[in-house]
Structure formats: structure tokens, C-alpha cells
C-alpha atoms as a PDB file:
ATOM      1  CA  MET A   1     111.545  89.673-132.284  1.00  0.00           C
ATOM      2  CA  LYS A   2     110.172  86.731-130.313  1.00  0.00           C
ATOM      3  CA  ARG A   3     110.126  87.233-126.543  1.00  0.00           C
ATOM      4  CA  GLY A   4     110.302  84.461-123.930  1.00  0.00           C
ATOM      5  CA  LYS A   5     107.432  83.599-121.586  1.00  0.00           C
ATOM      6  CA  LYS A   6     109.474  85.186-118.411  1.00  0.00           C
ATOM      7  CA  TYR A   7     110.081  88.451-120.304  1.00  0.00           C
ATOM      8  CA  LEU A   8     106.260  88.791-121.376  1.00  0.00           C
ATOM      9  CA  GLU A   9     105.289  88.033-117.704  1.00  0.00           C
ATOM     10  CA  SER A  10     107.769  90.847-116.640  1.00  0.00           C
ATOM     11  CA  MET A  11     106.304  93.229-119.269  1.00  0.00           C
ATOM     12  CA  LYS A  12     102.906  93.088-117.570  1.00  0.00           C
ATOM     13  CA  LEU A  13     104.446  94.683-114.562  1.00  0.00           C
ATOM     14  CA  VAL A  14     105.687  97.788-116.755  1.00  0.00           C
ATOM     15  CA  ASP A  15     103.505 100.464-118.079  1.00  0.00           C
ATOM     16  CA  ARG A  16     105.376 101.535-121.252  1.00  0.00           C
ATOM     17  CA  MET A  17     103.745 104.987-121.358  1.00  0.00           C
ATOM     18  CA  LYS A  18     104.580 105.916-117.762  1.00  0.00           C
ATOM     19  CA  LEU A  19     107.635 107.821-116.364  1.00  0.00           C
ATOM     20  CA  TYR A  20     108.307 106.293-113.117  1.00  0.00           C
ATOM     21  CA  GLU A  21     109.821 107.752-110.003  1.00  0.00           C
ATOM     22  CA  PRO A  22     113.383 106.518-109.584  1.00  0.00           C
ATOM     23  CA  ALA A  23     112.824 104.553-106.517  1.00  0.00           C
ATOM     24  CA  GLU A  24     109.635 102.947-107.867  1.00  0.00           C
ATOM     25  CA  ALA A  25     111.665 102.025-110.984  1.00  0.00           C
ATOM     26  CA  MET A  26     114.252 100.278-108.904  1.00  0.00           C
ATOM     27  CA  ASP A  27     111.540  98.378-107.069  1.00  0.00           C
ATOM     28  CA  ILE A  28     110.106  97.275-110.450  1.00  0.00           C
ATOM     29  CA  VAL A  29     113.419  96.202-112.026  1.00  0.00           C
ATOM     30  CA  GLN A  30     113.860  93.768-109.191  1.00  0.00           C
ATOM     31  CA  LYS A  31     110.323  92.257-109.823  1.00  0.00           C
ATOM     32  CA  THR A  32     110.971  91.894-113.562  1.00  0.00           C
ATOM     33  CA  ALA A  33     114.371  90.045-113.039  1.00  0.00           C
ATOM     34  CA  ARG A  34     113.178  86.404-113.228  1.00  0.00           C
ATOM     35  CA  ALA A  35     116.266  84.759-114.552  1.00  0.00           C
ATOM     36  CA  LYS A  36     118.169  82.079-112.332  1.00  0.00           C
ATOM     37  CA  PHE A  37     121.108  84.195-111.813  1.00  0.00           C
ATOM     38  CA  ASP A  38     121.631  87.401-110.047  1.00  0.00           C
ATOM     39  CA  GLU A  39     120.930  90.010-112.837  1.00  0.00           C
ATOM     40  CA  THR A  40     122.818  92.990-113.474  1.00  0.00           C
ATOM     41  CA  VAL A  41     120.864  96.422-113.294  1.00  0.00           C
ATOM     42  CA  GLU A  42     121.790  98.679-116.114  1.00  0.00           C
ATOM     43  CA  VAL A  43     120.986 102.262-116.611  1.00  0.00           C
ATOM     44  CA  HIS A  44     120.725 103.765-120.123  1.00  0.00           C
ATOM     45  CA  ILE A  45     120.968 107.670-120.468  1.00  0.00           C
ATOM     46  CA  LYS A  46     120.172 109.388-123.689  1.00  0.00           C
ATOM     47  CA  LEU A  47     121.867 112.867-123.829  1.00  0.00           C
ATOM     48  CA  GLY A  48     120.976 115.864-125.806  1.00  0.00           C
ATOM     49  CA  VAL A  49     124.448 116.274-127.249  1.00  0.00           C
ATOM     50  CA  ASP A  50     126.235 115.258-130.580  1.00  0.00           C
ATOM     51  CA  SER A  51     129.061 112.850-129.948  1.00  0.00           C
ATOM     52  CA  ARG A  52     130.360 113.541-133.456  1.00  0.00           C
ATOM     53  CA  HIS A  53     131.562 116.820-132.206  1.00  0.00           C
ATOM     54  CA  ALA A  54     134.854 116.643-129.985  1.00  0.00           C
ATOM     55  CA  ASP A  55     133.484 119.547-127.749  1.00  0.00           C
ATOM     56  CA  GLN A  56     130.269 117.611-126.946  1.00  0.00           C
ATOM     57  CA  GLN A  57     131.785 114.373-125.808  1.00  0.00           C
ATOM     58  CA  VAL A  58     130.909 113.116-122.297  1.00  0.00           C
ATOM     59  CA  ARG A  59     133.304 110.567-120.862  1.00  0.00           C
ATOM     60  CA  GLY A  60     134.607 109.939-117.425  1.00  0.00           C
ATOM     61  CA  ALA A  61     134.533 107.569-114.465  1.00  0.00           C
ATOM     62  CA  VAL A  62     132.840 107.246-111.054  1.00  0.00           C
ATOM     63  CA  VAL A  63     133.207 105.160-108.035  1.00  0.00           C
ATOM     64  CA  LEU A  64     129.954 103.547-107.131  1.00  0.00           C
ATOM     65  CA  PRO A  65     129.354 103.605-103.474  1.00  0.00           C
ATOM     66  CA  HIS A  66     128.231  99.988-103.373  1.00  0.00           C
ATOM     67  CA  GLY A  67     130.346  98.854-106.191  1.00  0.00           C
ATOM     68  CA  THR A  68     128.829  96.836-109.094  1.00  0.00           C
ATOM     69  CA  GLY A  69     128.682  93.323-107.520  1.00  0.00           C
ATOM     70  CA  LYS A  70     131.085  92.233-110.223  1.00  0.00           C
ATOM     71  CA  THR A  71     134.812  90.899-109.407  1.00  0.00           C
ATOM     72  CA  VAL A  72     136.879  92.971-111.867  1.00  0.00           C
ATOM     73  CA  ARG A  73     139.952  91.705-113.430  1.00  0.00           C
ATOM     74  CA  VAL A  74     142.687  94.409-113.696  1.00  0.00           C
ATOM     75  CA  LEU A  75     145.510  94.375-116.320  1.00  0.00           C
ATOM     76  CA  VAL A  76     148.364  96.885-115.694  1.00  0.00           C
ATOM     77  CA  PHE A  77     151.095  97.819-118.262  1.00  0.00           C
ATOM     78  CA  ALA A  78     153.949  99.035-116.149  1.00  0.00           C
ATOM     79  CA  LYS A  79     157.704  98.270-115.525  1.00  0.00           C
ATOM     80  CA  GLY A  80     160.121  98.282-112.539  1.00  0.00           C
ATOM     81  CA  GLU A  81     158.908  99.824-109.347  1.00  0.00           C
ATOM     82  CA  LYS A  82     155.375 100.743-110.819  1.00  0.00           C
ATOM     83  CA  ALA A  83     154.997  97.011-111.789  1.00  0.00           C
ATOM     84  CA  THR A  84     155.806  95.935-108.250  1.00  0.00           C
ATOM     85  CA  GLU A  85     153.372  98.646-106.989  1.00  0.00           C
ATOM     86  CA  ALA A  86     150.626  97.159-109.155  1.00  0.00           C
ATOM     87  CA  GLU A  87     151.349  93.635-108.001  1.00  0.00           C
ATOM     88  CA  ASN A  88     151.223  94.710-104.378  1.00  0.00           C
ATOM     89  CA  ALA A  89     148.057  96.627-105.012  1.00  0.00           C
ATOM     90  CA  GLY A  90     146.129  93.465-106.153  1.00  0.00           C
ATOM     91  CA  ALA A  91     146.411  93.766-109.951  1.00  0.00           C
ATOM     92  CA  ASP A  92     145.387  90.447-111.561  1.00  0.00           C
ATOM     93  CA  TYR A  93     148.060  90.730-114.321  1.00  0.00           C
ATOM     94  CA  VAL A  94     151.076  92.973-114.788  1.00  0.00           C
ATOM     95  CA  GLY A  95     153.502  93.276-117.514  1.00  0.00           C
ATOM     96  CA  ALA A  96     154.886  95.199-120.539  1.00  0.00           C
ATOM     97  CA  GLU A  97     155.714  94.139-124.234  1.00  0.00           C
ATOM     98  CA  GLU A  98     155.134  90.387-123.574  1.00  0.00           C
ATOM     99  CA  LEU A  99     151.344  91.028-122.685  1.00  0.00           C
ATOM    100  CA  VAL A 100     150.923  92.965-125.964  1.00  0.00           C
ATOM    101  CA  THR A 101     152.243  89.880-127.766  1.00  0.00           C
ATOM    102  CA  ARG A 102     150.017  87.680-125.864  1.00  0.00           C
ATOM    103  CA  ILE A 103     146.935  89.664-126.670  1.00  0.00           C
ATOM    104  CA  GLN A 104     147.986  90.028-130.326  1.00  0.00           C
ATOM    105  CA  LYS A 105     148.774  86.576-131.001  1.00  0.00           C
ATOM    106  CA  GLU A 106     146.642  84.583-128.667  1.00  0.00           C
ATOM    107  CA  ASN A 107     143.581  86.826-128.716  1.00  0.00           C
ATOM    108  CA  TRP A 108     143.823  86.812-124.839  1.00  0.00           C
ATOM    109  CA  PHE A 109     141.210  88.886-123.011  1.00  0.00           C
ATOM    110  CA  ASP A 110     140.925  87.650-119.678  1.00  0.00           C
ATOM    111  CA  PHE A 111     140.551  91.025-118.130  1.00  0.00           C
ATOM    112  CA  ASP A 112     137.980  93.634-117.514  1.00  0.00           C
ATOM    113  CA  VAL A 113     139.840  97.037-117.182  1.00  0.00           C
ATOM    114  CA  VAL A 114     143.408  98.152-118.415  1.00  0.00           C
ATOM    115  CA  VAL A 115     145.650 100.567-116.512  1.00  0.00           C
ATOM    116  CA  ALA A 116     148.876 101.976-117.775  1.00  0.00           C
ATOM    117  CA  THR A 117     151.576 104.187-116.795  1.00  0.00           C
ATOM    118  CA  PRO A 118     152.110 107.173-119.121  1.00  0.00           C
ATOM    119  CA  ASP A 119     155.498 105.865-120.342  1.00  0.00           C
ATOM    120  CA  MET A 120     153.894 102.559-121.283  1.00  0.00           C
ATOM    121  CA  MET A 121     151.296 104.140-123.573  1.00  0.00           C
ATOM    122  CA  GLY A 122     153.596 103.992-126.537  1.00  0.00           C
ATOM    123  CA  VAL A 123     153.556 100.179-126.181  1.00  0.00           C
ATOM    124  CA  VAL A 124     149.839  99.975-125.430  1.00  0.00           C
ATOM    125  CA  GLY A 125     149.287 102.063-128.387  1.00  0.00           C
ATOM    126  CA  ARG A 126     149.867  99.111-130.631  1.00  0.00           C
ATOM    127  CA  LEU A 127     146.822  97.489-129.172  1.00  0.00           C
ATOM    128  CA  GLY A 128     144.540 100.463-130.217  1.00  0.00           C
ATOM    129  CA  ARG A 129     142.716  98.611-132.887  1.00  0.00           C
ATOM    130  CA  VAL A 130     141.724  95.528-130.528  1.00  0.00           C
ATOM    131  CA  LEU A 131     141.369  97.416-127.095  1.00  0.00           C
ATOM    132  CA  GLY A 132     139.487 100.502-128.712  1.00  0.00           C
ATOM    133  CA  PRO A 133     136.313  98.806-130.117  1.00  0.00           C
ATOM    134  CA  LYS A 134     136.194  96.771-126.765  1.00  0.00           C
ATOM    135  CA  GLY A 135     136.196 100.083-124.742  1.00  0.00           C
ATOM    136  CA  LEU A 136     139.373  98.835-123.139  1.00  0.00           C
ATOM    137  CA  MET A 137     141.977 101.502-124.013  1.00  0.00           C
ATOM    138  CA  PRO A 138     143.266 103.322-121.071  1.00  0.00           C
ATOM    139  CA  ASN A 139     142.497 106.854-120.812  1.00  0.00           C
ATOM    140  CA  PRO A 140     143.679 109.765-118.697  1.00  0.00           C
ATOM    141  CA  LYS A 141     140.132 111.108-118.322  1.00  0.00           C
ATOM    142  CA  ALA A 142     138.987 107.613-116.885  1.00  0.00           C
ATOM    143  CA  GLY A 143     142.004 107.795-114.673  1.00  0.00           C
ATOM    144  CA  THR A 144     143.410 104.704-116.289  1.00  0.00           C
ATOM    145  CA  VAL A 145     146.510 106.391-117.560  1.00  0.00           C
ATOM    146  CA  THR A 146     148.452 107.269-114.295  1.00  0.00           C
ATOM    147  CA  MET A 147     151.529 107.020-112.342  1.00  0.00           C
ATOM    148  CA  ASP A 148     149.270 106.238-109.119  1.00  0.00           C
ATOM    149  CA  VAL A 149     148.594 102.614-110.213  1.00  0.00           C
ATOM    150  CA  ALA A 150     147.734 101.599-106.715  1.00  0.00           C
ATOM    151  CA  LYS A 151     144.918 104.100-106.350  1.00  0.00           C
ATOM    152  CA  ALA A 152     143.631 103.325-109.722  1.00  0.00           C
ATOM    153  CA  ILE A 153     143.498  99.556-108.850  1.00  0.00           C
ATOM    154  CA  ALA A 154     141.972 100.165-105.499  1.00  0.00           C
ATOM    155  CA  ASP A 155     139.330 102.486-107.061  1.00  0.00           C
ATOM    156  CA  ILE A 156     138.425 100.027-109.761  1.00  0.00           C
ATOM    157  CA  LYS A 157     138.294  97.146-107.338  1.00  0.00           C
ATOM    158  CA  ALA A 158     136.112  99.184-105.070  1.00  0.00           C
ATOM    159  CA  GLY A 159     133.441  99.690-108.115  1.00  0.00           C
ATOM    160  CA  LYS A 160     134.803 102.433-110.222  1.00  0.00           C
ATOM    161  CA  ILE A 161     133.000 102.280-113.480  1.00  0.00           C
ATOM    162  CA  GLU A 162     133.728 104.271-116.841  1.00  0.00           C
ATOM    163  CA  TYR A 163     130.868 106.080-118.600  1.00  0.00           C
ATOM    164  CA  ARG A 164     130.969 107.161-122.306  1.00  0.00           C
ATOM    165  CA  LEU A 165     128.697 107.901-125.195  1.00  0.00           C
ATOM    166  CA  ASP A 166     127.988 105.469-127.858  1.00  0.00           C
ATOM    167  CA  LYS A 167     127.347 106.439-131.474  1.00  0.00           C
ATOM    168  CA  THR A 168     123.845 107.191-130.613  1.00  0.00           C
ATOM    169  CA  ASN A 169     124.557 109.444-127.571  1.00  0.00           C
ATOM    170  CA  ILE A 170     123.543 106.964-125.078  1.00  0.00           C
ATOM    171  CA  ILE A 171     125.496 106.067-121.995  1.00  0.00           C
ATOM    172  CA  HIS A 172     125.109 102.457-120.756  1.00  0.00           C
ATOM    173  CA  CYS A 173     126.242 101.670-117.281  1.00  0.00           C
ATOM    174  CA  PRO A 174     125.863  98.993-114.577  1.00  0.00           C
ATOM    175  CA  ILE A 175     124.766 100.129-111.309  1.00  0.00           C
ATOM    176  CA  GLY A 176     124.791  96.872-109.308  1.00  0.00           C
ATOM    177  CA  LYS A 177     122.818  93.536-109.113  1.00  0.00           C
ATOM    178  CA  VAL A 178     119.286  92.912-108.558  1.00  0.00           C
ATOM    179  CA  SER A 179     120.258  91.532-105.042  1.00  0.00           C
ATOM    180  CA  PHE A 180     121.446  94.945-104.012  1.00  0.00           C
ATOM    181  CA  GLY A 181     117.983  96.087-103.137  1.00  0.00           C
ATOM    182  CA  THR A 182     116.478  99.415-103.722  1.00  0.00           C
ATOM    183  CA  GLU A 183     118.345 101.572-101.419  1.00  0.00           C
ATOM    184  CA  LYS A 184     121.952 100.455-102.645  1.00  0.00           C
ATOM    185  CA  LEU A 185     120.722 100.597-106.236  1.00  0.00           C
ATOM    186  CA  MET A 186     119.316 104.269-105.694  1.00  0.00           C
ATOM    187  CA  ASP A 187     122.732 105.186-104.253  1.00  0.00           C
ATOM    188  CA  ASN A 188     124.653 103.978-107.166  1.00  0.00           C
ATOM    189  CA  PHE A 189     122.025 105.396-109.587  1.00  0.00           C
ATOM    190  CA  ARG A 190     122.232 108.823-108.039  1.00  0.00           C
ATOM    191  CA  THR A 191     126.018 108.675-107.931  1.00  0.00           C
ATOM    192  CA  LEU A 192     126.193 107.890-111.516  1.00  0.00           C
ATOM    193  CA  LEU A 193     123.576 110.534-112.724  1.00  0.00           C
ATOM    194  CA  ASP A 194     125.344 113.268-110.602  1.00  0.00           C
ATOM    195  CA  ALA A 195     128.677 112.373-112.466  1.00  0.00           C
ATOM    196  CA  VAL A 196     126.967 112.573-115.911  1.00  0.00           C
ATOM    197  CA  VAL A 197     125.155 115.714-115.197  1.00  0.00           C
ATOM    198  CA  LYS A 198     128.394 117.535-113.858  1.00  0.00           C
ATOM    199  CA  ALA A 199     130.081 116.269-116.912  1.00  0.00           C
ATOM    200  CA  LYS A 200     127.597 118.263-119.214  1.00  0.00           C
ATOM    201  CA  PRO A 201     129.745 119.853-122.006  1.00  0.00           C
ATOM    202  CA  ALA A 202     129.517 123.731-122.278  1.00  0.00           C
ATOM    203  CA  ALA A 203     128.724 123.366-125.874  1.00  0.00           C
ATOM    204  CA  ALA A 204     125.618 121.335-125.085  1.00  0.00           C
ATOM    205  CA  LYS A 205     122.332 123.123-125.956  1.00  0.00           C
ATOM    206  CA  GLY A 206     118.727 122.467-125.005  1.00  0.00           C
ATOM    207  CA  GLN A 207     117.580 119.466-122.892  1.00  0.00           C
ATOM    208  CA  TYR A 208     120.649 117.666-121.592  1.00  0.00           C
ATOM    209  CA  LEU A 209     119.096 114.489-119.934  1.00  0.00           C
ATOM    210  CA  ARG A 210     116.621 113.284-122.826  1.00  0.00           C
ATOM    211  CA  SER A 211     115.795 109.764-121.312  1.00  0.00           C
ATOM    212  CA  VAL A 212     116.879 107.524-118.491  1.00  0.00           C
ATOM    213  CA  VAL A 213     115.710 103.898-118.688  1.00  0.00           C
ATOM    214  CA  VAL A 214     116.453 101.105-116.096  1.00  0.00           C
ATOM    215  CA  ALA A 215     116.743  97.478-116.957  1.00  0.00           C
ATOM    216  CA  SER A 216     117.874  94.059-115.479  1.00  0.00           C
ATOM    217  CA  THR A 217     119.966  91.778-117.842  1.00  0.00           C
ATOM    218  CA  MET A 218     116.941  89.749-119.057  1.00  0.00           C
ATOM    219  CA  GLY A 219     114.138  92.251-118.174  1.00  0.00           C
ATOM    220  CA  PRO A 220     112.258  95.084-119.842  1.00  0.00           C
ATOM    221  CA  GLY A 221     113.220  98.712-119.826  1.00  0.00           C
ATOM    222  CA  ILE A 222     111.623 100.971-117.321  1.00  0.00           C
ATOM    223  CA  LYS A 223     111.452 104.723-118.153  1.00  0.00           C
ATOM    224  CA  ILE A 224     112.372 107.011-115.361  1.00  0.00           C
ATOM    225  CA  ASN A 225     111.193 110.648-115.002  1.00  0.00           C
ATOM    226  CA  GLN A 226     114.268 112.423-115.324  1.00  0.00           C
ATOM    227  CA  GLN A 227     112.871 115.624-113.630  1.00  0.00           C
ATOM    228  CA  LYS A 228     112.715 113.395-110.446  1.00  0.00           C
ATOM    229  CA  VAL A 229     116.190 112.086-110.499  1.00  0.00           C
ATOM    230  CA  PHE A 230     117.758 114.517-107.842  1.00  0.00           C
ATOM    231  CA  ASP A 231     114.379 114.963-105.799  1.00  0.00           C
END
């Protein structure tokens, strides 16, 4: 794969064989971000679990203390009082069957998170095939299937993110923007790692945190010494 000049320049700042202290990695990730936009900083966590087994799934949600730096558009499936509550709480879109039709027929996806009241899940279930692969299906573990729609919306707007394993047992999550600086990135990083460690399945054996890598949108990966995460 051919890399651009900026990427190759950034690579010179990273020792591929070294495991960096978390704060040092956050410093370097800012220096390797050379795009003309405010790049997102992502963490990639490889876990010592087998996601094919139901008792080794790792999934949940956490509110990052400084948010992600991204404006999140929330779609809520609700009716009656709960629909009014969602609108008052600042949901970007609120509705029921008509939204299902719009998504199915117009391929409409101008939203980032979907929240639903439990009574609406029968309706939302019709969208499983399109929302599921995009990671948008509401889920009780992530707090997106709830009667307390106002709290769900407030948490999401404040910087709540969902984490889940992909097929290769890796969690990919944003922890903010390059412009946040080291201190805020570290706060968000520790909050995410703490949640992932607490979510360790009882069935998981051996080393749980296999590798932790941080990278900006266009920058190279920087390996973090997982032994130093909570020092």
C-alpha cells in the first residue's frame, strides 16, 4: 500500500518496536496528525477473548468526561408522551413507523445513534438488517433501549460512546480530537479502558488486554504499554 508524504513524515516520529507510556503516546499522536482538519483520535484495543462465544462478548457504553468533539445526531423511536419527552430533551429526529419507511425506502441515514423505548422495538426490529451492520441497532446494554429517553439523549450528547468487539476481537473507539490536548485525551482514554477492563467476561482466560494502539484519523498507529495504562 502506497503511503502519502505526510504519513511517511509522521512515521519517522514513531518507533514501531516500542511500547509507549500512555501520556507519551498521546503527545506523539498529536504530532503525527498533519491533516488540514481536526483529526479524531481513536483507540484500538485487542482483547484475549473469543467473540464467537456468547459468554465472551464485550459490549457496553461509557460517557467520556470530555466528549468526543463530534456533534452527535440522535434519532429516537417513541410515541406519545415519550416522543414529546425526546423532542424536549434535544433529539434530532423523533418518530415511529414513518421513520422505518423513510430508512427503508429512501436509504436515509442522517443520524449517528438510535434510541428506542422498549415498546417500539417490534417496529425497530424491521430495520435489523440495515441498522445492525452499521452498529446502529438500539441495545439495552448500551442504554439505547430505555424508557428514560431524556437521560439517554443527554448522555449521548455529552459524549457517551458505545464499545463492542469486531470479528477479530478488537474494540475501535474515538476518544476525542487532536485539539483536545494530552490531558483531556488521557482522561477519556483512562475512562474507556477502565470500562473495558470492568466488562471483562468471567469466561475470559489468560491475558485480557492483548494490545492497545492509538492513532489519529490519518496518522500511524502508536503502541501503548498496556501494563502502564492505570499507573
